[in-house]
Amino acid sequence: MLKKLLLLLIVMVVMAIFWAKRDYEQALSRPVVTDSDVFVIKKGESFRQITRRLQQKWAVNPYWFRVIAYQKKVTNQLKAGEYILQPGMTLPDILAVFVSGKARQYAITFPEGWTFKQIRQRLLEEKNLRHTLDKLDDQALLKRLGSPYSHPEGLFFPETYFFEKNTLDLELLKRAYQKMQQVLQQEWVKRQPGLPLETPYQALILASIVEKETGKPSERAMIAGVFIRRLRKGMLLQTDPTVIYGMGERYQGNIRRKDLKQATPYNTYVIKGLPPTPIAMPGREAIHAVMHPTAGNSLYFVASGDGGHVFSATLREHVNAVNKYQKKRR
């Protein structure tokens, strides 16, 4: 009788091992994600909590999920983030995604020519960021970035930036700030010799003006050349975008004669040389154009009405061009 019971026990153990092995093998290959969905691992969330939520969402076997994680030695390597899980994914697939840290990415774009005010507003509107900038004024923000400048205009590189959900808005701005410093330094060391620009920051100021003066890539270096020659000759830059920037909220779409005469730090019809800060966010092309201006003798330009400009070497030529293209006189 005892032998029969022992034999029965052995058979039951063997069967249990067989079924457990079979169930484990199925757990390795059985699809558990039934529909495409987003799964968020919160910062500080434990492995047990993650497992419990997976079980609630897709009926994941928590025992085998833990066993597989222990075998792969990744129980403490699941990274916080927002993950897109696709239909047909198995337990090992899910673990691999969580360990990779390849969380869902969002994108935010800062276009060339934008002002810092526009950047602040865009960041404020981005719901997937964690917001802190609303508590910082410009000076406090620059201090947090470790910037030596007193004004934020033009210091952030225009580009599309990718980020994970709940990234700090300040962290995103820091990336844009560092990218601008990098690009500016790269272009500065390769600049043409003899430019009337003493620092990279002065080049940034002029690049922001070039950025606002034309959206036509082929003209950037030509317009930069006009401004460089004016600076060399001690001429006023006389560029409307700086006047508009200096007017601030007073600008309503038109520049009046009295606006051109009103002294502001940015009215280049009145002040000599460059304004005190950039007026917008220039792209690499505008920065490069300022460092490599087109040679020539033109000192004036006027919009031709087709997106481009007509360049003139003398005031008389410029007046004729203004009459032709701006005042519609023949």
C-alpha atoms as a PDB file:
ATOM      1  CA  MET A   1       0.000   0.000   0.000  1.00  0.00           C
ATOM      2  CA  LEU A   2       2.824   2.372   0.909  1.00  0.00           C
ATOM      3  CA  LYS A   3       4.566   1.606  -2.385  1.00  0.00           C
ATOM      4  CA  LYS A   4       1.396   2.452  -4.315  1.00  0.00           C
ATOM      5  CA  LEU A   5       1.052   5.762  -2.485  1.00  0.00           C
ATOM      6  CA  LEU A   6       4.694   6.597  -3.111  1.00  0.00           C
ATOM      7  CA  LEU A   7       4.345   5.727  -6.783  1.00  0.00           C
ATOM      8  CA  LEU A   8       1.212   7.860  -7.024  1.00  0.00           C
ATOM      9  CA  LEU A   9       3.036  10.762  -5.369  1.00  0.00           C
ATOM     10  CA  ILE A  10       5.929  10.433  -7.797  1.00  0.00           C
ATOM     11  CA  VAL A  11       3.527  10.382 -10.749  1.00  0.00           C
ATOM     12  CA  MET A  12       1.755  13.485  -9.431  1.00  0.00           C
ATOM     13  CA  VAL A  13       5.072  15.349  -8.956  1.00  0.00           C
ATOM     14  CA  VAL A  14       6.221  14.388 -12.449  1.00  0.00           C
ATOM     15  CA  MET A  15       2.903  15.530 -13.916  1.00  0.00           C
ATOM     16  CA  ALA A  16       3.088  18.787 -11.961  1.00  0.00           C
ATOM     17  CA  ILE A  17       6.602  19.430 -13.231  1.00  0.00           C
ATOM     18  CA  PHE A  18       5.468  18.581 -16.768  1.00  0.00           C
ATOM     19  CA  TRP A  19       2.488  20.906 -16.635  1.00  0.00           C
ATOM     20  CA  ALA A  20       4.499  23.672 -14.965  1.00  0.00           C
ATOM     21  CA  LYS A  21       7.184  23.398 -17.646  1.00  0.00           C
ATOM     22  CA  ARG A  22       4.548  23.445 -20.363  1.00  0.00           C
ATOM     23  CA  ASP A  23       2.794  26.433 -18.797  1.00  0.00           C
ATOM     24  CA  TYR A  24       6.117  28.274 -18.472  1.00  0.00           C
ATOM     25  CA  GLU A  25       6.975  27.639 -22.122  1.00  0.00           C
ATOM     26  CA  GLN A  26       3.555  28.894 -23.138  1.00  0.00           C
ATOM     27  CA  ALA A  27       4.046  31.973 -20.938  1.00  0.00           C
ATOM     28  CA  LEU A  28       7.218  32.736 -22.878  1.00  0.00           C
ATOM     29  CA  SER A  29       5.495  32.661 -26.269  1.00  0.00           C
ATOM     30  CA  ARG A  30       1.825  33.383 -25.568  1.00  0.00           C
ATOM     31  CA  PRO A  31       0.670  36.855 -26.734  1.00  0.00           C
ATOM     32  CA  VAL A  32      -0.799  38.777 -23.801  1.00  0.00           C
ATOM     33  CA  VAL A  33      -1.345  42.274 -25.229  1.00  0.00           C
ATOM     34  CA  THR A  34      -4.664  42.216 -27.057  1.00  0.00           C
ATOM     35  CA  ASP A  35      -4.867  45.787 -28.308  1.00  0.00           C
ATOM     36  CA  SER A  36      -2.486  48.663 -28.900  1.00  0.00           C
ATOM     37  CA  ASP A  37      -2.414  50.848 -25.813  1.00  0.00           C
ATOM     38  CA  VAL A  38      -0.240  53.087 -23.689  1.00  0.00           C
ATOM     39  CA  PHE A  39       1.173  51.794 -20.412  1.00  0.00           C
ATOM     40  CA  VAL A  40       2.764  54.275 -18.008  1.00  0.00           C
ATOM     41  CA  ILE A  41       5.396  53.294 -15.458  1.00  0.00           C
ATOM     42  CA  LYS A  42       5.407  55.985 -12.835  1.00  0.00           C
ATOM     43  CA  LYS A  43       8.594  57.244 -11.234  1.00  0.00           C
ATOM     44  CA  GLY A  44       9.289  55.262  -8.060  1.00  0.00           C
ATOM     45  CA  GLU A  45       6.725  52.557  -8.877  1.00  0.00           C
ATOM     46  CA  SER A  46       7.695  49.072  -7.624  1.00  0.00           C
ATOM     47  CA  PHE A  47       7.926  45.913  -9.708  1.00  0.00           C
ATOM     48  CA  ARG A  48       5.002  44.453  -7.776  1.00  0.00           C
ATOM     49  CA  GLN A  49       2.819  47.491  -8.517  1.00  0.00           C
ATOM     50  CA  ILE A  50       3.695  47.353 -12.220  1.00  0.00           C
ATOM     51  CA  THR A  51       2.876  43.636 -12.324  1.00  0.00           C
ATOM     52  CA  ARG A  52      -0.468  44.188 -10.606  1.00  0.00           C
ATOM     53  CA  ARG A  53      -1.520  46.851 -13.118  1.00  0.00           C
ATOM     54  CA  LEU A  54      -0.456  44.669 -16.053  1.00  0.00           C
ATOM     55  CA  GLN A  55      -2.577  41.857 -14.610  1.00  0.00           C
ATOM     56  CA  GLN A  56      -5.583  44.144 -14.319  1.00  0.00           C
ATOM     57  CA  LYS A  57      -5.174  45.457 -17.865  1.00  0.00           C
ATOM     58  CA  TRP A  58      -4.334  42.325 -19.865  1.00  0.00           C
ATOM     59  CA  ALA A  59      -4.717  39.373 -17.467  1.00  0.00           C
ATOM     60  CA  VAL A  60      -0.955  38.908 -17.322  1.00  0.00           C
ATOM     61  CA  ASN A  61       0.104  35.920 -15.184  1.00  0.00           C
ATOM     62  CA  PRO A  62       1.957  37.689 -12.363  1.00  0.00           C
ATOM     63  CA  TYR A  63       3.839  34.566 -11.256  1.00  0.00           C
ATOM     64  CA  TRP A  64       5.442  33.887 -14.635  1.00  0.00           C
ATOM     65  CA  PHE A  65       6.062  37.586 -15.205  1.00  0.00           C
ATOM     66  CA  ARG A  66       8.082  37.657 -11.968  1.00  0.00           C
ATOM     67  CA  VAL A  67       9.877  34.389 -12.796  1.00  0.00           C
ATOM     68  CA  ILE A  68      10.924  35.638 -16.248  1.00  0.00           C
ATOM     69  CA  ALA A  69      12.077  38.957 -14.787  1.00  0.00           C
ATOM     70  CA  TYR A  70      14.121  37.179 -12.083  1.00  0.00           C
ATOM     71  CA  GLN A  71      15.713  34.879 -14.648  1.00  0.00           C
ATOM     72  CA  LYS A  72      16.701  37.854 -16.797  1.00  0.00           C
ATOM     73  CA  LYS A  73      17.809  39.758 -13.663  1.00  0.00           C
ATOM     74  CA  VAL A  74      15.823  42.849 -14.616  1.00  0.00           C
ATOM     75  CA  THR A  75      13.377  43.284 -11.734  1.00  0.00           C
ATOM     76  CA  ASN A  76      15.139  46.518 -10.735  1.00  0.00           C
ATOM     77  CA  GLN A  77      15.789  47.756 -14.268  1.00  0.00           C
ATOM     78  CA  LEU A  78      12.293  48.738 -15.419  1.00  0.00           C
ATOM     79  CA  LYS A  79      12.442  52.429 -16.337  1.00  0.00           C
ATOM     80  CA  ALA A  80       9.773  55.035 -15.758  1.00  0.00           C
ATOM     81  CA  GLY A  81       8.082  56.304 -18.892  1.00  0.00           C
ATOM     82  CA  GLU A  82       5.117  56.095 -21.209  1.00  0.00           C
ATOM     83  CA  TYR A  83       5.270  52.966 -23.398  1.00  0.00           C
ATOM     84  CA  ILE A  84       3.203  51.934 -26.394  1.00  0.00           C
ATOM     85  CA  LEU A  85       2.507  48.182 -26.217  1.00  0.00           C
ATOM     86  CA  GLN A  86       1.432  46.519 -29.449  1.00  0.00           C
ATOM     87  CA  PRO A  87      -1.001  43.598 -29.946  1.00  0.00           C
ATOM     88  CA  GLY A  88       0.716  40.198 -29.853  1.00  0.00           C
ATOM     89  CA  MET A  89       3.471  41.166 -27.421  1.00  0.00           C
ATOM     90  CA  THR A  90       4.563  38.434 -25.005  1.00  0.00           C
ATOM     91  CA  LEU A  91       5.807  38.736 -21.422  1.00  0.00           C
ATOM     92  CA  PRO A  92       9.478  38.798 -22.528  1.00  0.00           C
ATOM     93  CA  ASP A  93       8.577  41.431 -25.153  1.00  0.00           C
ATOM     94  CA  ILE A  94       6.966  43.641 -22.504  1.00  0.00           C
ATOM     95  CA  LEU A  95       9.939  43.278 -20.169  1.00  0.00           C
ATOM     96  CA  ALA A  96      12.365  44.121 -22.976  1.00  0.00           C
ATOM     97  CA  VAL A  97      10.470  47.349 -23.748  1.00  0.00           C
ATOM     98  CA  PHE A  98      10.329  48.403 -20.104  1.00  0.00           C
ATOM     99  CA  VAL A  99      14.045  47.714 -19.607  1.00  0.00           C
ATOM    100  CA  SER A 100      15.051  49.496 -22.842  1.00  0.00           C
ATOM    101  CA  GLY A 101      13.658  52.792 -21.608  1.00  0.00           C
ATOM    102  CA  LYS A 102      12.428  53.559 -25.130  1.00  0.00           C
ATOM    103  CA  ALA A 103       9.411  55.440 -23.908  1.00  0.00           C
ATOM    104  CA  ARG A 104       6.917  57.264 -26.083  1.00  0.00           C
ATOM    105  CA  GLN A 105       8.326  60.480 -27.508  1.00  0.00           C
ATOM    106  CA  TYR A 106       6.529  63.784 -28.009  1.00  0.00           C
ATOM    107  CA  ALA A 107       7.750  66.616 -30.223  1.00  0.00           C
ATOM    108  CA  ILE A 108       7.806  70.380 -29.871  1.00  0.00           C
ATOM    109  CA  THR A 109       9.030  72.774 -32.567  1.00  0.00           C
ATOM    110  CA  PHE A 110      10.545  76.220 -32.156  1.00  0.00           C
ATOM    111  CA  PRO A 111      10.500  77.812 -35.645  1.00  0.00           C
ATOM    112  CA  GLU A 112      13.250  80.103 -36.876  1.00  0.00           C
ATOM    113  CA  GLY A 113      12.444  83.750 -36.274  1.00  0.00           C
ATOM    114  CA  TRP A 114      10.337  83.182 -33.171  1.00  0.00           C
ATOM    115  CA  THR A 115      10.765  85.443 -30.151  1.00  0.00           C
ATOM    116  CA  PHE A 116      11.297  84.182 -26.631  1.00  0.00           C
ATOM    117  CA  LYS A 117       7.772  85.316 -25.758  1.00  0.00           C
ATOM    118  CA  GLN A 118       6.448  82.906 -28.388  1.00  0.00           C
ATOM    119  CA  ILE A 119       8.644  80.096 -27.044  1.00  0.00           C
ATOM    120  CA  ARG A 120       7.317  80.632 -23.515  1.00  0.00           C
ATOM    121  CA  GLN A 121       3.743  80.499 -24.778  1.00  0.00           C
ATOM    122  CA  ARG A 122       4.358  77.311 -26.793  1.00  0.00           C
ATOM    123  CA  LEU A 123       5.892  75.596 -23.777  1.00  0.00           C
ATOM    124  CA  LEU A 124       2.974  76.670 -21.618  1.00  0.00           C
ATOM    125  CA  GLU A 125       0.528  75.132 -24.108  1.00  0.00           C
ATOM    126  CA  GLU A 126       2.351  71.771 -24.217  1.00  0.00           C
ATOM    127  CA  LYS A 127       0.311  69.465 -21.958  1.00  0.00           C
ATOM    128  CA  ASN A 128       2.894  66.672 -21.908  1.00  0.00           C
ATOM    129  CA  LEU A 129       5.533  68.797 -20.187  1.00  0.00           C
ATOM    130  CA  ARG A 130       5.896  69.416 -16.470  1.00  0.00           C
ATOM    131  CA  HIS A 131       5.626  73.185 -16.067  1.00  0.00           C
ATOM    132  CA  THR A 132       7.920  75.318 -13.920  1.00  0.00           C
ATOM    133  CA  LEU A 133       8.601  78.364 -16.122  1.00  0.00           C
ATOM    134  CA  ASP A 134       5.424  80.115 -15.014  1.00  0.00           C
ATOM    135  CA  LYS A 135       7.135  80.592 -11.647  1.00  0.00           C
ATOM    136  CA  LEU A 136      10.337  82.067 -13.134  1.00  0.00           C
ATOM    137  CA  ASP A 137      10.958  85.501 -14.615  1.00  0.00           C
ATOM    138  CA  ASP A 138      13.542  85.888 -17.380  1.00  0.00           C
ATOM    139  CA  GLN A 139      16.432  86.663 -15.028  1.00  0.00           C
ATOM    140  CA  ALA A 140      15.676  83.715 -12.746  1.00  0.00           C
ATOM    141  CA  LEU A 141      15.379  81.463 -15.796  1.00  0.00           C
ATOM    142  CA  LEU A 142      18.778  82.516 -17.170  1.00  0.00           C
ATOM    143  CA  LYS A 143      20.319  81.980 -13.752  1.00  0.00           C
ATOM    144  CA  ARG A 144      18.913  78.429 -13.639  1.00  0.00           C
ATOM    145  CA  LEU A 145      20.436  77.812 -17.067  1.00  0.00           C
ATOM    146  CA  GLY A 146      23.820  79.115 -15.925  1.00  0.00           C
ATOM    147  CA  SER A 147      23.722  81.772 -18.630  1.00  0.00           C
ATOM    148  CA  PRO A 148      25.897  84.894 -18.364  1.00  0.00           C
ATOM    149  CA  TYR A 149      23.411  86.938 -20.400  1.00  0.00           C
ATOM    150  CA  SER A 150      20.792  89.269 -18.937  1.00  0.00           C
ATOM    151  CA  HIS A 151      18.205  88.880 -21.718  1.00  0.00           C
ATOM    152  CA  PRO A 152      16.863  85.546 -23.077  1.00  0.00           C
ATOM    153  CA  GLU A 153      16.070  86.703 -26.608  1.00  0.00           C
ATOM    154  CA  GLY A 154      17.789  84.704 -29.334  1.00  0.00           C
ATOM    155  CA  LEU A 155      19.610  82.323 -26.977  1.00  0.00           C
ATOM    156  CA  PHE A 156      17.623  79.196 -27.910  1.00  0.00           C
ATOM    157  CA  PHE A 157      18.180  77.192 -31.067  1.00  0.00           C
ATOM    158  CA  PRO A 158      15.159  76.799 -33.405  1.00  0.00           C
ATOM    159  CA  GLU A 159      14.564  73.099 -33.959  1.00  0.00           C
ATOM    160  CA  THR A 160      12.184  70.211 -33.262  1.00  0.00           C
ATOM    161  CA  TYR A 161      12.908  68.652 -29.875  1.00  0.00           C
ATOM    162  CA  PHE A 162      11.696  65.229 -28.759  1.00  0.00           C
ATOM    163  CA  PHE A 163      10.881  64.489 -25.150  1.00  0.00           C
ATOM    164  CA  GLU A 164       9.125  62.015 -22.868  1.00  0.00           C
ATOM    165  CA  LYS A 165       5.955  62.771 -20.970  1.00  0.00           C
ATOM    166  CA  ASN A 166       6.428  64.869 -17.824  1.00  0.00           C
ATOM    167  CA  THR A 167       9.819  66.197 -18.912  1.00  0.00           C
ATOM    168  CA  LEU A 168      10.533  69.544 -17.222  1.00  0.00           C
ATOM    169  CA  ASP A 169       9.986  72.536 -19.500  1.00  0.00           C
ATOM    170  CA  LEU A 170      13.234  73.963 -18.128  1.00  0.00           C
ATOM    171  CA  GLU A 171      15.094  70.821 -19.211  1.00  0.00           C
ATOM    172  CA  LEU A 172      13.813  71.278 -22.768  1.00  0.00           C
ATOM    173  CA  LEU A 173      14.864  74.929 -22.764  1.00  0.00           C
ATOM    174  CA  LYS A 174      18.300  73.938 -21.482  1.00  0.00           C
ATOM    175  CA  ARG A 175      18.758  71.637 -24.474  1.00  0.00           C
ATOM    176  CA  ALA A 176      17.784  74.467 -26.843  1.00  0.00           C
ATOM    177  CA  TYR A 177      20.128  76.881 -25.043  1.00  0.00           C
ATOM    178  CA  GLN A 178      23.078  74.477 -25.176  1.00  0.00           C
ATOM    179  CA  LYS A 179      22.419  73.731 -28.847  1.00  0.00           C
ATOM    180  CA  MET A 180      22.518  77.446 -29.698  1.00  0.00           C
ATOM    181  CA  GLN A 181      25.780  77.911 -27.802  1.00  0.00           C
ATOM    182  CA  GLN A 182      27.250  74.918 -29.645  1.00  0.00           C
ATOM    183  CA  VAL A 183      26.162  76.089 -33.113  1.00  0.00           C
ATOM    184  CA  LEU A 184      27.257  79.660 -32.450  1.00  0.00           C
ATOM    185  CA  GLN A 185      30.722  78.554 -31.337  1.00  0.00           C
ATOM    186  CA  GLN A 186      31.094  76.169 -34.296  1.00  0.00           C
ATOM    187  CA  GLU A 187      30.304  78.962 -36.747  1.00  0.00           C
ATOM    188  CA  TRP A 188      32.354  81.575 -34.899  1.00  0.00           C
ATOM    189  CA  VAL A 189      35.632  79.654 -35.118  1.00  0.00           C
ATOM    190  CA  LYS A 190      35.171  79.270 -38.895  1.00  0.00           C
ATOM    191  CA  ARG A 191      34.147  82.891 -39.566  1.00  0.00           C
ATOM    192  CA  GLN A 192      35.653  85.072 -42.256  1.00  0.00           C
ATOM    193  CA  PRO A 193      38.548  87.192 -41.006  1.00  0.00           C
ATOM    194  CA  GLY A 194      38.121  90.921 -40.552  1.00  0.00           C
ATOM    195  CA  LEU A 195      34.413  91.005 -39.661  1.00  0.00           C
ATOM    196  CA  PRO A 196      33.326  94.063 -37.619  1.00  0.00           C
ATOM    197  CA  LEU A 197      31.980  91.741 -34.921  1.00  0.00           C
ATOM    198  CA  GLU A 198      33.862  91.447 -31.645  1.00  0.00           C
ATOM    199  CA  THR A 199      32.038  88.552 -29.997  1.00  0.00           C
ATOM    200  CA  PRO A 200      29.837  85.558 -30.894  1.00  0.00           C
ATOM    201  CA  TYR A 201      26.972  87.377 -29.176  1.00  0.00           C
ATOM    202  CA  GLN A 202      27.260  90.294 -31.594  1.00  0.00           C
ATOM    203  CA  ALA A 203      27.142  87.784 -34.438  1.00  0.00           C
ATOM    204  CA  LEU A 204      23.999  86.306 -32.875  1.00  0.00           C
ATOM    205  CA  ILE A 205      22.384  89.758 -32.752  1.00  0.00           C
ATOM    206  CA  LEU A 206      23.101  90.392 -36.426  1.00  0.00           C
ATOM    207  CA  ALA A 207      21.975  86.866 -37.376  1.00  0.00           C
ATOM    208  CA  SER A 208      18.618  87.494 -35.710  1.00  0.00           C
ATOM    209  CA  ILE A 209      18.161  90.610 -37.873  1.00  0.00           C
ATOM    210  CA  VAL A 210      19.072  88.685 -41.024  1.00  0.00           C
ATOM    211  CA  GLU A 211      16.602  85.965 -39.983  1.00  0.00           C
ATOM    212  CA  LYS A 212      13.782  88.498 -39.714  1.00  0.00           C
ATOM    213  CA  GLU A 213      14.691  90.365 -42.895  1.00  0.00           C
ATOM    214  CA  THR A 214      14.308  87.433 -45.272  1.00  0.00           C
ATOM    215  CA  GLY A 215      12.968  83.915 -45.424  1.00  0.00           C
ATOM    216  CA  LYS A 216      14.722  83.319 -48.729  1.00  0.00           C
ATOM    217  CA  PRO A 217      17.806  81.145 -48.089  1.00  0.00           C
ATOM    218  CA  SER A 218      19.690  82.392 -51.153  1.00  0.00           C
ATOM    219  CA  GLU A 219      19.530  86.002 -49.899  1.00  0.00           C
ATOM    220  CA  ARG A 220      20.710  85.574 -46.323  1.00  0.00           C
ATOM    221  CA  ALA A 221      24.424  86.017 -47.061  1.00  0.00           C
ATOM    222  CA  MET A 222      23.666  88.964 -49.387  1.00  0.00           C
ATOM    223  CA  ILE A 223      21.656  90.768 -46.704  1.00  0.00           C
ATOM    224  CA  ALA A 224      24.339  89.937 -44.154  1.00  0.00           C
ATOM    225  CA  GLY A 225      26.842  91.515 -46.557  1.00  0.00           C
ATOM    226  CA  VAL A 226      24.849  94.752 -46.668  1.00  0.00           C
ATOM    227  CA  PHE A 227      24.778  95.017 -42.868  1.00  0.00           C
ATOM    228  CA  ILE A 228      28.469  94.113 -42.516  1.00  0.00           C
ATOM    229  CA  ARG A 229      29.439  96.855 -44.985  1.00  0.00           C
ATOM    230  CA  ARG A 230      27.209  99.355 -43.175  1.00  0.00           C
ATOM    231  CA  LEU A 231      28.851  98.497 -39.857  1.00  0.00           C
ATOM    232  CA  ARG A 232      32.297  98.948 -41.388  1.00  0.00           C
ATOM    233  CA  LYS A 233      31.353 102.371 -42.777  1.00  0.00           C
ATOM    234  CA  GLY A 234      29.695 103.514 -39.542  1.00  0.00           C
ATOM    235  CA  MET A 235      26.300 103.766 -41.283  1.00  0.00           C
ATOM    236  CA  LEU A 236      23.018 103.218 -39.469  1.00  0.00           C
ATOM    237  CA  LEU A 237      21.601  99.752 -40.090  1.00  0.00           C
ATOM    238  CA  GLN A 238      18.090 101.165 -40.675  1.00  0.00           C
ATOM    239  CA  THR A 239      16.284  97.818 -40.486  1.00  0.00           C
ATOM    240  CA  ASP A 240      12.557  97.678 -39.790  1.00  0.00           C
ATOM    241  CA  PRO A 241      12.481  94.409 -37.770  1.00  0.00           C
ATOM    242  CA  THR A 242      14.525  96.030 -34.993  1.00  0.00           C
ATOM    243  CA  VAL A 243      12.121  98.976 -34.884  1.00  0.00           C
ATOM    244  CA  ILE A 244       9.173  96.583 -34.638  1.00  0.00           C
ATOM    245  CA  TYR A 245      10.845  94.678 -31.820  1.00  0.00           C
ATOM    246  CA  GLY A 246      11.518  97.890 -29.920  1.00  0.00           C
ATOM    247  CA  MET A 247       7.892  98.973 -30.298  1.00  0.00           C
ATOM    248  CA  GLY A 248       6.674  95.850 -28.517  1.00  0.00           C
ATOM    249  CA  GLU A 249       2.908  95.836 -27.976  1.00  0.00           C
ATOM    250  CA  ARG A 250       2.614  99.232 -29.690  1.00  0.00           C
ATOM    251  CA  TYR A 251       3.262  97.605 -33.063  1.00  0.00           C
ATOM    252  CA  GLN A 252      -0.082  96.983 -34.780  1.00  0.00           C
ATOM    253  CA  GLY A 253       1.071  96.020 -38.259  1.00  0.00           C
ATOM    254  CA  ASN A 254       2.421  99.336 -39.531  1.00  0.00           C
ATOM    255  CA  ILE A 255       5.501 101.457 -38.871  1.00  0.00           C
ATOM    256  CA  ARG A 256       4.723 105.166 -38.950  1.00  0.00           C
ATOM    257  CA  ARG A 257       7.179 107.957 -39.653  1.00  0.00           C
ATOM    258  CA  LYS A 258       7.172 108.985 -35.997  1.00  0.00           C
ATOM    259  CA  ASP A 259       8.058 105.413 -35.018  1.00  0.00           C
ATOM    260  CA  LEU A 260      11.219 105.664 -37.103  1.00  0.00           C
ATOM    261  CA  LYS A 261      12.177 108.833 -35.266  1.00  0.00           C
ATOM    262  CA  GLN A 262      11.395 107.652 -31.746  1.00  0.00           C
ATOM    263  CA  ALA A 263      14.542 106.669 -29.872  1.00  0.00           C
ATOM    264  CA  THR A 264      14.500 103.157 -28.440  1.00  0.00           C
ATOM    265  CA  PRO A 265      17.480 100.832 -27.832  1.00  0.00           C
ATOM    266  CA  TYR A 266      16.316  98.877 -30.879  1.00  0.00           C
ATOM    267  CA  ASN A 267      15.550 101.687 -33.340  1.00  0.00           C
ATOM    268  CA  THR A 268      18.417 101.260 -35.811  1.00  0.00           C
ATOM    269  CA  TYR A 269      17.215 104.342 -37.705  1.00  0.00           C
ATOM    270  CA  VAL A 270      18.425 106.293 -34.666  1.00  0.00           C
ATOM    271  CA  ILE A 271      21.086 104.259 -32.850  1.00  0.00           C
ATOM    272  CA  LYS A 272      24.483 103.450 -34.321  1.00  0.00           C
ATOM    273  CA  GLY A 273      25.648  99.882 -34.601  1.00  0.00           C
ATOM    274  CA  LEU A 274      23.795  96.829 -33.338  1.00  0.00           C
ATOM    275  CA  PRO A 275      20.858  96.780 -30.926  1.00  0.00           C
ATOM    276  CA  PRO A 276      21.663  95.508 -27.410  1.00  0.00           C
ATOM    277  CA  THR A 277      20.228  91.995 -27.867  1.00  0.00           C
ATOM    278  CA  PRO A 278      18.976  89.689 -30.608  1.00  0.00           C
ATOM    279  CA  ILE A 279      15.411  90.351 -31.752  1.00  0.00           C
ATOM    280  CA  ALA A 280      14.471  86.734 -32.505  1.00  0.00           C
ATOM    281  CA  MET A 281      15.789  83.195 -32.723  1.00  0.00           C
ATOM    282  CA  PRO A 282      18.063  82.751 -35.780  1.00  0.00           C
ATOM    283  CA  GLY A 283      18.694  79.398 -37.425  1.00  0.00           C
ATOM    284  CA  ARG A 284      22.075  77.984 -38.383  1.00  0.00           C
ATOM    285  CA  GLU A 285      21.765  79.338 -41.958  1.00  0.00           C
ATOM    286  CA  ALA A 286      21.359  82.927 -40.761  1.00  0.00           C
ATOM    287  CA  ILE A 287      24.239  82.524 -38.307  1.00  0.00           C
ATOM    288  CA  HIS A 288      26.427  81.078 -41.046  1.00  0.00           C
ATOM    289  CA  ALA A 289      25.479  83.925 -43.396  1.00  0.00           C
ATOM    290  CA  VAL A 290      26.643  86.530 -40.886  1.00  0.00           C
ATOM    291  CA  MET A 291      29.967  84.725 -40.459  1.00  0.00           C
ATOM    292  CA  HIS A 292      30.338  84.388 -44.258  1.00  0.00           C
ATOM    293  CA  PRO A 293      28.656  87.448 -45.843  1.00  0.00           C
ATOM    294  CA  THR A 294      28.584  87.841 -49.603  1.00  0.00           C
ATOM    295  CA  ALA A 295      31.181  90.277 -50.905  1.00  0.00           C
ATOM    296  CA  GLY A 296      29.996  93.231 -52.969  1.00  0.00           C
ATOM    297  CA  ASN A 297      29.223  96.943 -52.871  1.00  0.00           C
ATOM    298  CA  SER A 298      25.489  96.989 -52.101  1.00  0.00           C
ATOM    299  CA  LEU A 299      24.471  99.091 -49.114  1.00  0.00           C
ATOM    300  CA  TYR A 300      20.698  99.051 -49.509  1.00  0.00           C
ATOM    301  CA  PHE A 301      17.916  96.594 -50.257  1.00  0.00           C
ATOM    302  CA  VAL A 302      14.150  96.759 -50.674  1.00  0.00           C
ATOM    303  CA  ALA A 303      11.507  94.047 -50.874  1.00  0.00           C
ATOM    304  CA  SER A 304      10.570  93.295 -54.498  1.00  0.00           C
ATOM    305  CA  GLY A 305       7.139  91.882 -53.702  1.00  0.00           C
ATOM    306  CA  ASP A 306       7.889  88.303 -54.720  1.00  0.00           C
ATOM    307  CA  GLY A 307       9.566  87.228 -51.491  1.00  0.00           C
ATOM    308  CA  GLY A 308      12.965  88.566 -52.535  1.00  0.00           C
ATOM    309  CA  HIS A 309      14.822  91.862 -52.487  1.00  0.00           C
ATOM    310  CA  VAL A 310      16.455  94.319 -54.891  1.00  0.00           C
ATOM    311  CA  PHE A 311      19.959  95.366 -53.826  1.00  0.00           C
ATOM    312  CA  SER A 312      21.528  98.766 -54.556  1.00  0.00           C
ATOM    313  CA  ALA A 313      24.990 100.246 -54.148  1.00  0.00           C
ATOM    314  CA  THR A 314      23.942 103.910 -54.076  1.00  0.00           C
ATOM    315  CA  LEU A 315      21.180 105.890 -52.420  1.00  0.00           C
ATOM    316  CA  ARG A 316      19.875 107.046 -55.817  1.00  0.00           C
ATOM    317  CA  GLU A 317      19.543 103.432 -57.025  1.00  0.00           C
ATOM    318  CA  HIS A 318      17.817 102.545 -53.782  1.00  0.00           C
ATOM    319  CA  VAL A 319      15.314 105.416 -54.050  1.00  0.00           C
ATOM    320  CA  ASN A 320      14.477 104.329 -57.591  1.00  0.00           C
ATOM    321  CA  ALA A 321      13.967 100.762 -56.401  1.00  0.00           C
ATOM    322  CA  VAL A 322      11.736 101.941 -53.550  1.00  0.00           C
ATOM    323  CA  ASN A 323       9.657 104.001 -55.982  1.00  0.00           C
ATOM    324  CA  LYS A 324       9.345 101.039 -58.320  1.00  0.00           C
ATOM    325  CA  TYR A 325       8.622  98.254 -55.875  1.00  0.00           C
ATOM    326  CA  GLN A 326       7.197  99.965 -52.791  1.00  0.00           C
ATOM    327  CA  LYS A 327       5.482 103.104 -54.049  1.00  0.00           C
ATOM    328  CA  LYS A 328       4.492 101.485 -57.350  1.00  0.00           C
ATOM    329  CA  ARG A 329       5.915 104.393 -59.388  1.00  0.00           C
ATOM    330  CA  ARG A 330       7.489 104.049 -62.821  1.00  0.00           C
END
